[in-house]
Amino acid sequence: MSVLDIEKRDHVTVVTLNRPDARNALSPELLGRLAVAWDDIKSDDAVRAVVLTGALGSTFCAGFDLALSITLLNKTRQPENEWDEALANDWTLAHKATLRGYDLERPLIVAANGHAIAGGMELLLAGDLRVVASGAKLGLSEVKLGLIPGMGGTATIRDKMSPALAAEVLLTSNPISAETALAGGLLNRVVPADAVLNTALELAYAVAANPPLAVRAARHVLRKSRDLSEDQSLALEAKLLEDLAQTEDAIEGPRAFLEKRPPVFKGR
């Protein structure tokens, strides 16, 4: 049984963490396979949206596997196989796997069908859109272990929810409910666990139905504007709009509207 399942559905790719017996914890093998998967997805122009979910169970992802992965980080365990060797020799592999500083260049919808803790919460934070199961617990537990979230959680959580709630999650290390996270602006939807994947897919298909170059441009401005002044953001918006206006998709969209037919976008 593979620890990571990948399924392509038209222009949407579904990535499933598949270690249900270990609460989908991030083992060296799962980290390695995720890193490869993200590279493959990024290089595939046919992919317009990505959904990340977990194998069915109470937990979307419990974070890094304490026995298998963290022991390599603190050097209390020697590598035992090729996956261990790869992670022990290059910890940035974990960065890519959890999308720390790695841009897929297309929207990622995280479908957390259960609890998201530590590295699981950081995967949730890496998404562009987030759907979470009602009653799920979300948290960053690293401070209680004498560490800090190192896959982007410490650095980015304040930008993803209200500053007050972000500080509470990070500094107390106590989990919050999906409902609290929704009220705090982190999540797009909170639905029953058995509806999480379908809800995320609805969002993914809505994104994928749009012209991909326009989606990527809009996403790029949205993400970059956090680090730019208003004037810089407006300049970036104007430049990308000018570029998009010259594309075939920008011609096809208005033409299809006037001709009262579904548009056919080609990503060029």
Protein backbone atom coordinates (compact mmCIF):
# COMPACT_ATOMS: atom_id res chain seq x y z
CA MET A 1 0.00 0.00 0.00
CA SER A 2 1.39 3.38 -1.00
CA VAL A 3 1.71 6.04 1.68
CA LEU A 4 0.64 8.64 -0.87
CA ASP A 5 -2.14 8.32 -3.44
CA ILE A 6 -2.42 10.60 -6.46
CA GLU A 7 -5.49 10.72 -8.70
CA LYS A 8 -6.01 12.93 -11.73
CA ARG A 9 -9.59 14.03 -12.43
CA ASP A 10 -9.71 16.16 -15.57
CA HIS A 11 -7.71 19.29 -14.67
CA VAL A 12 -7.80 18.59 -10.91
CA THR A 13 -5.25 16.42 -9.11
CA VAL A 14 -6.19 14.85 -5.77
CA VAL A 15 -3.31 14.05 -3.41
CA THR A 16 -4.15 11.79 -0.44
CA LEU A 17 -1.97 11.17 2.61
CA ASN A 18 -2.36 7.44 3.15
CA ARG A 19 -1.05 6.37 6.55
CA PRO A 20 -4.38 6.04 8.41
CA ASP A 21 -2.95 3.65 11.02
CA ALA A 22 -0.45 6.38 11.96
CA ARG A 23 -2.97 9.24 11.73
CA ASN A 24 -1.38 10.18 8.38
CA ALA A 25 1.76 11.33 10.19
CA LEU A 26 4.61 12.53 7.99
CA SER A 27 7.17 9.74 7.83
CA PRO A 28 10.40 10.10 5.84
CA GLU A 29 8.85 8.11 2.99
CA LEU A 30 5.69 10.21 2.94
CA LEU A 31 7.76 13.41 2.99
CA GLY A 32 9.91 12.14 0.15
CA ARG A 33 6.96 11.10 -1.97
CA LEU A 34 5.20 14.41 -1.34
CA ALA A 35 8.26 16.34 -2.47
CA VAL A 36 8.36 14.36 -5.73
CA ALA A 37 4.61 14.74 -6.22
CA TRP A 38 4.71 18.53 -5.91
CA ASP A 39 7.48 18.73 -8.53
CA ASP A 40 5.48 16.51 -10.89
CA ILE A 41 2.32 18.56 -10.41
CA LYS A 42 4.14 21.85 -10.88
CA SER A 43 5.62 20.67 -14.19
CA ASP A 44 2.24 19.49 -15.55
CA ASP A 45 0.45 22.32 -17.35
CA ALA A 46 -2.73 20.25 -17.51
CA VAL A 47 -3.18 20.59 -13.74
CA ARG A 48 -5.23 23.67 -12.91
CA ALA A 49 -6.07 22.97 -9.27
CA VAL A 50 -4.90 20.57 -6.55
CA VAL A 51 -6.78 19.03 -3.63
CA LEU A 52 -4.83 17.69 -0.65
CA THR A 53 -6.66 15.40 1.77
CA GLY A 54 -6.04 12.51 4.15
CA ALA A 55 -7.09 8.87 4.18
CA LEU A 56 -10.38 8.41 5.99
CA GLY A 57 -10.10 8.51 9.76
CA SER A 58 -10.25 10.97 12.63
CA THR A 59 -7.10 12.83 11.60
CA PHE A 60 -6.18 14.64 8.39
CA CYS A 61 -2.54 14.76 9.48
CA ALA A 62 -0.96 14.50 12.93
CA GLY A 63 2.23 16.24 11.80
CA PHE A 64 5.71 14.80 11.64
CA ASP A 65 6.09 11.20 12.76
CA LEU A 66 7.87 11.63 16.11
CA ALA A 67 9.48 8.17 16.02
CA LEU A 68 10.58 8.16 12.38
CA SER A 69 11.12 11.77 11.25
CA ILE A 70 11.85 13.91 14.31
CA THR A 71 14.48 11.43 15.50
CA LEU A 72 16.39 12.08 12.28
CA LEU A 73 16.14 15.83 12.82
CA ASN A 74 17.58 15.67 16.34
CA LYS A 75 20.00 12.89 15.33
CA THR A 76 18.81 10.41 17.94
CA ARG A 77 18.23 7.75 15.27
CA GLN A 78 20.42 6.62 12.42
CA PRO A 79 18.97 6.26 8.89
CA GLU A 80 17.66 2.78 8.15
CA ASN A 81 16.55 3.02 4.51
CA GLU A 82 16.73 5.23 1.42
CA TRP A 83 13.93 7.51 2.61
CA ASP A 84 15.67 8.06 5.94
CA GLU A 85 18.96 8.75 4.17
CA ALA A 86 17.38 11.31 1.86
CA LEU A 87 15.76 13.21 4.74
CA ALA A 88 18.78 13.00 7.04
CA ASN A 89 21.07 14.32 4.30
CA ASP A 90 18.76 17.13 3.20
CA TRP A 91 16.18 18.44 5.65
CA THR A 92 14.96 20.91 2.98
CA LEU A 93 13.19 17.87 1.53
CA ALA A 94 10.71 18.34 4.37
CA HIS A 95 10.37 21.99 3.44
CA LYS A 96 9.31 21.11 -0.09
CA ALA A 97 7.00 18.33 1.12
CA THR A 98 5.13 20.75 3.41
CA LEU A 99 5.28 23.58 0.82
CA ARG A 100 7.47 25.76 3.02
CA GLY A 101 8.73 28.38 0.56
CA TYR A 102 7.67 26.21 -2.38
CA ASP A 103 5.07 27.59 -4.78
CA LEU A 104 2.95 25.11 -6.75
CA GLU A 105 1.90 28.00 -9.04
CA ARG A 106 -1.70 26.82 -9.07
CA PRO A 107 -4.37 26.87 -6.36
CA LEU A 108 -4.19 24.29 -3.59
CA ILE A 109 -7.40 23.37 -1.78
CA VAL A 110 -6.73 21.57 1.50
CA ALA A 111 -9.53 19.18 2.47
CA ALA A 112 -8.86 18.40 6.12
CA ASN A 113 -11.29 15.59 6.88
CA GLY A 114 -10.13 15.38 10.50
CA HIS A 115 -7.74 16.89 13.04
CA ALA A 116 -4.78 18.90 11.70
CA ILE A 117 -1.99 19.14 14.25
CA ALA A 118 1.59 20.47 14.07
CA GLY A 119 2.88 19.71 10.54
CA GLY A 120 -0.69 18.86 9.57
CA MET A 121 -1.73 22.36 10.55
CA GLU A 122 1.17 23.75 8.53
CA LEU A 123 -0.06 21.85 5.47
CA LEU A 124 -3.45 23.43 6.10
CA LEU A 125 -1.87 26.88 6.30
CA ALA A 126 -0.09 26.23 2.97
CA GLY A 127 -3.41 26.00 1.13
CA ASP A 128 -5.05 28.76 -0.86
CA LEU A 129 -8.51 27.50 0.11
CA ARG A 130 -9.36 25.36 3.14
CA VAL A 131 -12.25 23.01 3.87
CA VAL A 132 -12.29 21.35 7.30
CA ALA A 133 -14.48 18.78 9.02
CA SER A 134 -16.81 20.09 11.69
CA GLY A 135 -15.52 19.25 15.14
CA ALA A 136 -11.92 18.86 13.93
CA LYS A 137 -9.15 20.22 16.14
CA LEU A 138 -6.48 22.43 14.62
CA GLY A 139 -3.26 23.31 16.38
CA LEU A 140 0.48 23.87 16.46
CA SER A 141 1.83 21.78 19.32
CA GLU A 142 5.57 22.26 18.79
CA VAL A 143 6.17 24.83 21.56
CA LYS A 144 4.99 22.28 24.15
CA LEU A 145 7.74 19.97 22.87
CA GLY A 146 10.48 22.58 23.22
CA LEU A 147 10.46 23.45 19.52
CA ILE A 148 8.67 25.92 17.26
CA PRO A 149 6.73 25.15 14.07
CA GLY A 150 9.44 25.00 11.42
CA MET A 151 7.52 24.32 8.21
CA GLY A 152 6.20 27.85 7.87
CA GLY A 153 3.69 27.84 10.70
CA THR A 154 5.52 30.29 12.96
CA ALA A 155 6.24 32.71 10.13
CA THR A 156 2.90 32.68 8.32
CA ILE A 157 0.09 31.99 10.78
CA ARG A 158 -0.41 35.68 11.57
CA ASP A 159 -1.21 36.35 7.90
CA LYS A 160 -3.82 33.57 7.76
CA MET A 161 -6.14 34.46 10.67
CA SER A 162 -6.76 37.22 13.16
CA PRO A 163 -3.52 38.20 14.94
CA ALA A 164 -5.05 37.57 18.37
CA LEU A 165 -6.14 34.05 17.49
CA ALA A 166 -2.83 33.34 15.74
CA ALA A 167 -0.92 34.31 18.88
CA GLU A 168 -3.13 32.08 21.02
CA VAL A 169 -2.68 29.06 18.76
CA LEU A 170 1.10 29.52 18.53
CA LEU A 171 1.95 30.46 22.12
CA THR A 172 -0.39 28.23 24.11
CA SER A 173 -0.01 25.27 21.74
CA ASN A 174 -3.62 24.43 22.57
CA PRO A 175 -5.77 23.32 19.61
CA ILE A 176 -8.81 25.26 18.47
CA SER A 177 -11.97 23.95 16.86
CA ALA A 178 -12.68 24.19 13.15
CA GLU A 179 -15.60 26.45 14.03
CA THR A 180 -13.30 28.87 15.89
CA ALA A 181 -10.87 28.85 12.97
CA LEU A 182 -13.73 29.63 10.58
CA ALA A 183 -14.77 32.61 12.69
CA GLY A 184 -11.12 33.71 12.81
CA GLY A 185 -10.91 33.90 9.04
CA LEU A 186 -8.68 30.87 8.40
CA LEU A 187 -11.17 28.56 6.68
CA ASN A 188 -13.50 28.76 3.69
CA ARG A 189 -15.90 26.00 4.71
CA VAL A 190 -16.64 23.80 7.73
CA VAL A 191 -18.76 20.80 6.76
CA PRO A 192 -19.39 17.25 8.04
CA ALA A 193 -16.36 14.98 7.63
CA ASP A 194 -18.00 12.89 4.90
CA ALA A 195 -18.65 16.03 2.85
CA VAL A 196 -15.17 17.55 3.08
CA LEU A 197 -13.67 16.03 -0.07
CA ASN A 198 -16.69 16.70 -2.28
CA THR A 199 -16.89 20.29 -1.03
CA ALA A 200 -13.20 20.79 -1.78
CA LEU A 201 -13.65 19.24 -5.22
CA GLU A 202 -16.51 21.62 -5.98
CA LEU A 203 -14.16 24.53 -5.25
CA ALA A 204 -11.37 22.91 -7.27
CA TYR A 205 -13.60 22.35 -10.31
CA ALA A 206 -14.86 25.94 -10.08
CA VAL A 207 -11.25 27.14 -10.14
CA ALA A 208 -10.26 24.72 -12.93
CA ALA A 209 -13.15 25.89 -15.11
CA ASN A 210 -11.59 29.35 -15.29
CA PRO A 211 -8.79 30.24 -17.74
CA PRO A 212 -5.63 28.94 -16.04
CA LEU A 213 -3.38 31.87 -16.93
CA ALA A 214 -5.83 34.30 -15.36
CA VAL A 215 -6.14 32.13 -12.24
CA ARG A 216 -2.38 31.94 -11.83
CA ALA A 217 -2.00 35.69 -12.36
CA ALA A 218 -4.72 36.54 -9.84
CA ARG A 219 -3.22 34.12 -7.32
CA HIS A 220 0.25 35.59 -7.87
CA VAL A 221 -0.92 39.13 -7.13
CA LEU A 222 -2.91 37.92 -4.11
CA ARG A 223 0.14 36.20 -2.61
CA LYS A 224 2.75 38.79 -3.50
CA SER A 225 0.71 41.79 -2.36
CA ARG A 226 1.27 40.74 1.28
CA ASP A 227 4.90 41.82 0.91
CA LEU A 228 4.43 44.85 -1.36
CA SER A 229 3.28 48.40 -0.91
CA GLU A 230 -0.07 49.38 -2.41
CA ASP A 231 1.66 51.15 -5.31
CA GLN A 232 3.81 48.09 -5.99
CA SER A 233 0.81 45.79 -5.86
CA LEU A 234 -1.12 47.99 -8.28
CA ALA A 235 1.86 48.06 -10.64
CA LEU A 236 2.11 44.26 -10.55
CA GLU A 237 -1.64 43.97 -11.18
CA ALA A 238 -1.41 46.33 -14.17
CA LYS A 239 1.55 44.47 -15.67
CA LEU A 240 -0.10 41.05 -15.42
CA LEU A 241 -3.39 42.39 -16.79
CA GLU A 242 -1.53 43.82 -19.78
CA ASP A 243 0.13 40.45 -20.38
CA LEU A 244 -3.15 38.54 -20.03
CA ALA A 245 -4.91 40.82 -22.52
CA GLN A 246 -2.67 39.43 -25.26
CA THR A 247 -3.55 35.76 -24.62
CA GLU A 248 -5.90 33.53 -26.60
CA ASP A 249 -7.94 32.85 -23.46
CA ALA A 250 -8.61 36.55 -22.99
CA ILE A 251 -10.07 36.63 -26.50
CA GLU A 252 -12.02 33.38 -26.06
CA GLY A 253 -13.74 34.43 -22.80
CA PRO A 254 -15.60 37.52 -24.10
CA ARG A 255 -16.24 35.86 -27.48
CA ALA A 256 -17.88 32.83 -25.86
CA PHE A 257 -19.99 35.13 -23.67
CA LEU A 258 -21.24 37.09 -26.67
CA GLU A 259 -21.90 33.87 -28.61
CA LYS A 260 -23.77 32.40 -25.63
CA ARG A 261 -21.66 29.23 -25.48
CA PRO A 262 -19.32 27.65 -22.95
CA PRO A 263 -15.75 28.95 -23.35
CA VAL A 264 -12.92 26.62 -24.28
CA PHE A 265 -9.78 27.76 -22.47
CA LYS A 266 -6.42 26.44 -23.59
CA GLY A 267 -4.03 28.12 -21.19
CA ARG A 268 -2.38 30.22 -23.82
